[in-house]
Protein backbone atom coordinates (compact mmCIF):
# COMPACT_ATOMS: atom_id res chain seq x y z
CA UNK A 1 135.10 116.62 68.25
CA UNK A 2 131.69 118.27 68.69
CA UNK A 3 129.97 115.94 66.22
CA UNK A 4 130.53 112.93 68.48
CA UNK A 5 128.57 114.34 71.41
CA UNK A 6 125.23 112.82 72.34
CA UNK A 7 122.25 115.14 72.72
CA UNK A 8 118.95 114.39 74.45
CA UNK A 9 116.37 116.48 76.30
CA UNK A 10 116.78 114.39 79.48
CA UNK A 11 120.54 114.78 79.56
CA UNK A 12 120.80 118.13 81.35
CA UNK A 13 118.33 117.01 84.01
CA UNK A 14 120.30 113.84 84.79
CA UNK A 15 123.73 115.45 84.71
CA UNK A 16 122.57 118.22 87.04
CA UNK A 17 121.75 115.48 89.56
CA UNK A 18 125.17 113.84 89.05
CA UNK A 19 123.23 110.70 88.19
CA UNK A 20 125.73 109.30 85.74
CA UNK A 21 124.50 105.72 86.00
CA UNK A 22 121.24 106.91 84.49
CA UNK A 23 123.07 109.22 82.07
CA UNK A 24 125.06 106.25 80.78
CA UNK A 25 121.96 104.07 80.49
CA UNK A 26 120.17 106.77 78.53
CA UNK A 27 123.14 106.80 76.17
CA UNK A 28 123.01 103.00 75.85
CA UNK A 29 119.26 103.02 75.19
CA UNK A 30 119.60 105.60 72.43
CA UNK A 31 122.73 104.09 70.89
CA UNK A 32 121.03 100.71 70.56
CA UNK A 33 118.26 102.35 68.50
CA UNK A 34 120.61 103.84 65.91
CA UNK A 35 123.70 101.60 65.94
CA UNK A 36 122.74 98.17 64.50
CA UNK A 37 126.04 96.49 65.40
CA UNK A 38 125.65 97.60 69.01
CA UNK A 39 122.07 96.32 69.13
CA UNK A 40 123.27 92.97 67.83
CA UNK A 41 126.10 92.89 70.36
CA UNK A 42 123.82 93.53 73.35
CA UNK A 43 121.06 91.24 72.06
CA UNK A 44 123.48 88.33 71.68
CA UNK A 45 124.81 89.03 75.18
CA UNK A 46 121.43 88.61 76.89
CA UNK A 47 121.76 84.83 77.23
CA UNK A 48 125.48 84.04 77.57
CA UNK A 49 126.49 80.51 78.47
CA UNK A 50 127.82 80.38 82.01
CA UNK A 51 128.95 77.80 84.52
CA UNK A 52 130.00 78.11 88.13
CA UNK A 53 132.88 76.54 90.02
CA UNK A 54 132.66 76.39 93.81
CA UNK A 55 135.77 76.96 95.87
CA UNK A 56 136.13 77.09 99.64
CA UNK A 57 133.81 79.95 100.59
CA UNK A 58 133.48 81.62 97.18
CA UNK A 59 132.60 80.96 93.55
CA UNK A 60 134.18 81.72 90.19
CA UNK A 61 131.90 81.89 87.18
CA UNK A 62 132.92 81.26 83.59
CA UNK A 63 131.16 83.04 80.72
CA UNK A 64 131.30 82.24 77.01
CA UNK A 65 131.36 85.68 75.37
CA UNK A 66 132.32 85.56 71.66
CA UNK A 67 132.12 89.35 71.39
CA UNK A 68 135.25 89.68 73.53
CA UNK A 69 137.54 87.85 71.10
CA UNK A 70 139.19 91.07 69.90
CA UNK A 71 139.96 92.23 73.43
CA UNK A 72 141.09 88.82 74.70
CA UNK A 73 143.45 88.31 71.78
CA UNK A 74 144.58 91.94 71.46
CA UNK A 75 148.24 92.50 70.70
CA UNK A 76 149.41 95.04 73.25
CA UNK A 77 153.13 95.02 72.62
CA UNK A 78 154.75 98.36 71.87
CA UNK A 79 155.15 97.77 68.12
CA UNK A 80 151.54 96.64 67.63
CA UNK A 81 150.24 99.65 69.53
CA UNK A 82 152.31 102.02 67.38
CA UNK A 83 150.81 100.82 64.08
CA UNK A 84 147.13 100.79 65.01
CA UNK A 85 144.78 103.74 65.42
CA UNK A 86 143.68 104.25 69.02
CA UNK A 87 140.01 103.27 69.23
CA UNK A 88 139.44 105.48 72.30
CA UNK A 89 140.53 108.73 70.66
CA UNK A 90 137.50 110.80 69.60
CA UNK A 91 138.60 110.98 65.96
CA UNK A 92 138.75 107.17 65.73
CA UNK A 93 135.41 106.21 67.30
CA UNK A 94 132.94 104.10 65.32
CA UNK A 95 130.92 106.21 62.90
CA UNK A 96 127.72 105.79 64.98
CA UNK A 97 129.40 105.97 68.39
CA UNK A 98 128.47 108.94 70.56
CA UNK A 99 130.05 110.35 73.70
CA UNK A 100 128.94 112.29 76.76
CA UNK A 101 131.30 114.85 78.27
CA UNK A 102 132.11 113.82 81.85
CA UNK A 103 133.75 116.61 83.81
CA UNK A 104 136.56 118.48 82.11
CA UNK A 105 138.81 115.54 81.30
CA UNK A 106 136.75 112.45 80.51
CA UNK A 107 134.09 111.07 78.18
CA UNK A 108 131.45 108.37 78.64
CA UNK A 109 131.09 105.77 75.89
CA UNK A 110 128.99 102.64 75.57
CA UNK A 111 131.31 99.64 75.43
CA UNK A 112 130.40 97.95 72.13
CA UNK A 113 131.60 94.53 73.34
CA UNK A 114 129.95 94.13 76.76
CA UNK A 115 131.04 91.96 79.65
CA UNK A 116 128.54 93.52 82.07
CA UNK A 117 124.82 93.64 81.22
CA UNK A 118 125.36 97.42 80.99
CA UNK A 119 128.96 98.27 80.20
CA UNK A 120 130.60 101.67 79.70
CA UNK A 121 134.08 103.03 79.03
CA UNK A 122 135.33 106.27 80.60
CA UNK A 123 138.33 107.41 78.52
CA UNK A 124 140.36 110.56 78.98
CA UNK A 125 139.62 113.04 76.22
CA UNK A 126 143.33 113.20 75.38
CA UNK A 127 145.64 110.42 74.25
CA UNK A 128 147.71 109.89 77.41
CA UNK A 129 149.08 106.57 78.72
CA UNK A 130 147.14 104.14 80.89
CA UNK A 131 148.65 104.84 84.32
CA UNK A 132 146.78 104.92 87.62
CA UNK A 133 149.16 106.62 90.06
CA UNK A 134 148.18 110.20 89.21
CA UNK A 135 144.54 109.34 88.49
CA UNK A 136 143.49 106.94 91.24
CA UNK A 137 141.83 109.80 93.14
CA UNK A 138 139.18 109.96 90.42
CA UNK A 139 137.98 106.42 91.05
CA UNK A 140 136.07 107.14 94.30
CA UNK A 141 134.39 110.12 92.62
CA UNK A 142 133.52 108.02 89.58
CA UNK A 143 132.07 105.24 91.75
CA UNK A 144 129.88 107.72 93.62
CA UNK A 145 128.66 109.36 90.40
CA UNK A 146 127.99 105.92 88.91
CA UNK A 147 126.22 104.65 92.04
CA UNK A 148 124.63 101.68 90.25
CA UNK A 149 127.95 100.54 88.87
CA UNK A 150 131.41 99.45 89.87
CA UNK A 151 134.41 101.26 88.42
CA UNK A 152 137.30 99.18 87.14
CA UNK A 153 140.87 99.87 86.07
CA UNK A 154 143.06 97.43 84.17
CA UNK A 155 146.77 98.11 84.18
CA UNK A 156 148.63 98.61 80.88
CA UNK A 157 150.34 95.23 81.21
CA UNK A 158 147.48 93.22 82.69
CA UNK A 159 144.26 93.50 80.78
CA UNK A 160 143.95 96.95 79.22
CA UNK A 161 143.36 96.54 75.48
CA UNK A 162 144.30 100.23 75.03
CA UNK A 163 147.43 100.59 77.20
CA UNK A 164 148.29 103.80 75.38
CA UNK A 165 145.09 105.66 76.31
CA UNK A 166 143.98 106.34 79.89
CA UNK A 167 140.55 104.88 80.57
CA UNK A 168 138.36 103.36 83.24
CA UNK A 169 135.25 101.23 82.87
CA UNK A 170 131.86 101.13 84.60
CA UNK A 171 129.55 98.14 84.80
CA UNK A 172 126.51 96.81 86.62
CA UNK A 173 126.94 96.25 90.36
CA UNK A 174 126.58 92.70 91.70
CA UNK A 175 127.46 91.12 88.37
CA UNK A 176 130.80 89.97 89.81
CA UNK A 177 130.59 87.51 92.72
CA UNK A 178 133.11 89.56 94.70
CA UNK A 179 130.60 92.45 94.94
CA UNK A 180 128.43 90.38 97.28
CA UNK A 181 131.11 88.06 98.61
CA UNK A 182 133.81 90.50 99.64
CA UNK A 183 133.11 90.62 103.39
CA UNK A 184 133.01 86.85 103.76
CA UNK A 185 136.33 86.64 101.88
CA UNK A 186 137.85 89.27 104.16
CA UNK A 187 136.60 87.52 107.27
CA UNK A 188 137.76 84.08 106.12
CA UNK A 189 141.04 84.86 104.39
CA UNK A 190 141.99 88.41 105.33
CA UNK A 191 144.62 89.96 107.56
CA UNK A 192 143.65 93.40 108.86
CA UNK A 193 146.52 95.83 108.33
CA UNK A 194 144.84 98.86 109.87
CA UNK A 195 141.36 99.45 111.28
CA UNK A 196 139.76 102.54 112.77
CA UNK A 197 136.42 104.33 112.54
CA UNK A 198 137.14 105.70 109.05
CA UNK A 199 139.49 103.20 107.42
CA UNK A 200 140.02 99.45 107.12
CA UNK A 201 142.83 98.04 104.99
CA UNK A 202 143.24 94.28 104.63
CA UNK A 203 145.44 91.84 102.74
CA UNK A 204 143.50 88.85 101.43
CA UNK A 205 144.72 85.55 99.95
CA UNK A 206 141.87 83.17 99.13
CA UNK A 207 144.14 80.56 97.55
CA UNK A 208 143.59 81.82 94.00
CA UNK A 209 143.87 85.61 94.23
CA UNK A 210 145.93 87.96 96.36
CA UNK A 211 144.55 91.43 96.88
CA UNK A 212 144.58 94.50 99.06
CA UNK A 213 141.27 96.06 100.09
CA UNK A 214 140.72 99.64 101.21
CA UNK A 215 137.41 100.50 102.90
CA UNK A 216 136.74 104.06 103.95
CA UNK A 217 133.99 106.56 104.66
CA UNK A 218 136.18 109.42 103.35
CA UNK A 219 137.33 109.37 99.73
CA UNK A 220 140.50 111.32 100.60
CA UNK A 221 141.56 108.48 102.91
CA UNK A 222 141.23 106.01 100.06
CA UNK A 223 143.67 108.10 98.04
CA UNK A 224 146.14 108.42 100.93
CA UNK A 225 146.04 104.68 101.61
CA UNK A 226 146.49 103.93 97.90
CA UNK A 227 149.53 106.22 97.69
CA UNK A 228 151.16 104.32 100.55
CA UNK A 229 150.24 101.00 98.94
CA UNK A 230 151.62 102.09 95.56
CA UNK A 231 154.96 103.08 97.06
CA UNK A 232 155.52 99.70 98.70
CA UNK A 233 154.02 97.63 95.89
CA UNK A 234 156.44 99.29 93.46
CA UNK A 235 159.29 98.03 95.62
CA UNK A 236 158.23 94.36 95.46
CA UNK A 237 156.92 94.37 91.87
CA UNK A 238 158.66 93.00 88.80
CA UNK A 239 160.17 96.26 87.59
CA UNK A 240 157.44 97.37 85.21
CA UNK A 241 156.86 101.09 84.77
CA UNK A 242 153.59 100.57 86.64
CA UNK A 243 153.27 97.66 89.10
CA UNK A 244 150.85 95.10 87.68
CA UNK A 245 147.37 95.46 89.12
CA UNK A 246 143.64 95.41 88.42
CA UNK A 247 141.35 97.60 90.52
CA UNK A 248 137.65 97.54 91.38
CA UNK A 249 136.05 100.52 93.17
CA UNK A 250 132.58 100.13 94.72
CA UNK A 251 130.50 102.81 96.46
CA UNK A 252 127.78 101.99 98.99
CA UNK A 253 125.46 105.03 99.21
CA UNK A 254 125.05 106.76 102.56
CA UNK A 255 121.30 106.17 102.61
CA UNK A 256 122.21 102.61 103.56
CA UNK A 257 123.72 103.72 106.85
CA UNK A 258 122.08 100.88 108.73
CA UNK A 259 124.96 98.89 107.25
CA UNK A 260 128.32 99.83 108.74
CA UNK A 261 129.86 99.20 105.32
CA UNK A 262 128.62 102.35 103.61
CA UNK A 263 131.25 104.38 101.82
CA UNK A 264 134.01 103.29 99.42
CA UNK A 265 135.59 99.91 98.88
CA UNK A 266 138.64 99.51 96.65
CA UNK A 267 140.00 96.08 95.76
CA UNK A 268 143.46 95.87 94.18
CA UNK A 269 144.37 92.52 92.63
CA UNK A 270 148.13 91.98 92.58
CA UNK A 271 149.79 90.51 89.48
CA UNK A 272 153.14 89.32 88.21
CA UNK A 273 152.14 88.09 84.74
CA UNK A 274 149.90 89.42 81.98
CA UNK A 275 148.80 86.12 80.46
CA UNK A 276 149.12 82.56 81.79
CA UNK A 277 150.96 79.72 80.06
CA UNK A 278 147.57 78.24 79.06
CA UNK A 279 147.13 81.20 76.70
CA UNK A 280 150.24 80.29 74.69
CA UNK A 281 149.90 76.50 74.55
CA UNK A 282 149.44 74.65 71.27
CA UNK A 283 146.31 72.97 69.96
CA UNK A 284 143.78 71.53 72.38
CA UNK A 285 145.88 72.50 75.39
CA UNK A 286 145.37 76.20 74.72
CA UNK A 287 142.81 78.22 76.71
CA UNK A 288 142.26 81.77 75.45
CA UNK A 289 141.79 83.43 78.83
CA UNK A 290 143.54 86.75 79.47
CA UNK A 291 142.54 87.70 83.05
CA UNK A 292 141.66 91.30 83.90
CA UNK A 293 139.59 92.98 86.64
CA UNK A 294 136.28 91.28 85.85
CA UNK A 295 137.91 87.85 85.73
CA UNK A 296 139.55 88.46 89.11
CA UNK A 297 136.19 89.73 90.36
CA UNK A 298 134.83 86.26 89.71
CA UNK A 299 133.60 86.14 86.08
CA UNK A 300 136.15 84.60 83.70
CA UNK A 301 135.54 85.64 80.10
CA UNK A 302 136.12 83.00 77.42
CA UNK A 303 135.44 84.15 73.85
CA UNK A 304 135.82 80.65 72.36
CA UNK A 305 133.04 78.13 73.02
CA UNK A 306 135.46 75.19 72.87
CA UNK A 307 137.47 76.72 75.71
CA UNK A 308 134.29 77.31 77.70
CA UNK A 309 133.26 73.67 77.29
CA UNK A 310 136.59 72.16 78.33
CA UNK A 311 137.80 74.51 81.09
CA UNK A 312 137.82 72.95 84.56
CA UNK A 313 137.91 74.23 88.11
CA UNK A 314 141.55 73.13 88.24
CA UNK A 315 142.36 75.16 85.12
CA UNK A 316 140.84 78.29 86.67
CA UNK A 317 142.83 77.81 89.87
CA UNK A 318 146.08 77.26 87.94
CA UNK A 319 145.53 80.38 85.80
CA UNK A 320 144.84 82.69 88.74
CA UNK A 321 147.75 81.35 90.76
CA UNK A 322 150.13 81.68 87.83
CA UNK A 323 149.39 85.33 87.08
CA UNK A 324 149.12 86.48 90.72
CA UNK A 325 152.10 87.61 92.79
CA UNK A 326 153.89 85.06 94.92
CA UNK A 327 153.28 84.41 98.59
CA UNK A 328 156.67 85.78 99.69
CA UNK A 329 156.10 89.07 97.83
CA UNK A 330 152.64 89.34 99.35
CA UNK A 331 153.91 88.79 102.88
CA UNK A 332 156.62 91.45 102.43
CA UNK A 333 154.05 93.89 101.05
CA UNK A 334 151.60 93.32 103.91
CA UNK A 335 154.33 93.76 106.54
CA UNK A 336 155.54 97.04 105.03
CA UNK A 337 152.01 98.33 104.53
CA UNK A 338 151.00 97.50 108.07
CA UNK A 339 153.85 99.53 109.54
CA UNK A 340 153.43 102.51 107.23
CA UNK A 341 149.64 102.70 107.41
CA UNK A 342 149.70 102.71 111.20
CA UNK A 343 152.46 105.31 111.25
CA UNK A 344 150.76 107.63 108.78
CA UNK A 345 146.99 107.03 109.02
CA UNK A 346 146.37 105.77 112.53
CA UNK A 347 143.85 107.78 114.55
């Protein structure tokens, strides 16, 4: 595996500072120079077609991104996964693709098919399944190390194009509307489940998406709150090995202490379907949209231009509502969480 590792004289300096946002961007800069397909991919991304739909108090953007066709149409059933080589395993990377060792267990790769202006994948070095329960505690650490980025996790049955290989992603902060709009959404549509000086957990239903947010100034509290959430969400989920969810983790550096919001924010979008009915329709009625974390964060990715041109605000609303958990499930989950959080984390 040694031949895949990226080498540069600035690398040791940046890694010693735990400045992995800059480490990743150095990798991107150098990969673009020597990997023509990557250069083409990022050059074509610079001016994507976008349009914006306004909802009550928030926006959802739609982006035409032809480079994402492979991911959006990926076959992720068990048989298809068995017969293809895993593209996140070191031995199967593109011939010009390089990696940076990240801690003992993970690598940093440039994502060759970007959604974000700067988009990276953080796969485990070993081929182990995509499953967040035992690994969620890494997300706050990742988001602090990648302070210019958000960290995302797509569940194995709701957006991960490699459900057989544990990985996270990092991408430019403030690309997704929810990065800036979270607090207004919480204030307008949220129910506070617990609030104290170190922790705020809310359940939010904005009419399209249902999600749980965890805000904390201590990363260990984020992990404790997530463990409680996971226990109760498993009880109301649809019986999958892992309850269906997409996660965004955002770190606000402590130098911004004039804002009371510094620390970690985790948003967990709650799902009951992988792909909406629109994805499977015939002919002109089909819309190739397979929602994952970035879509739920407010940027819907459409690889086909014809879908981009015809999609409407009503289509977006229908798609999100169809793949999100139902209102009754959400109310049960919030009630259970509220009791347990206050019993176990109240101070």
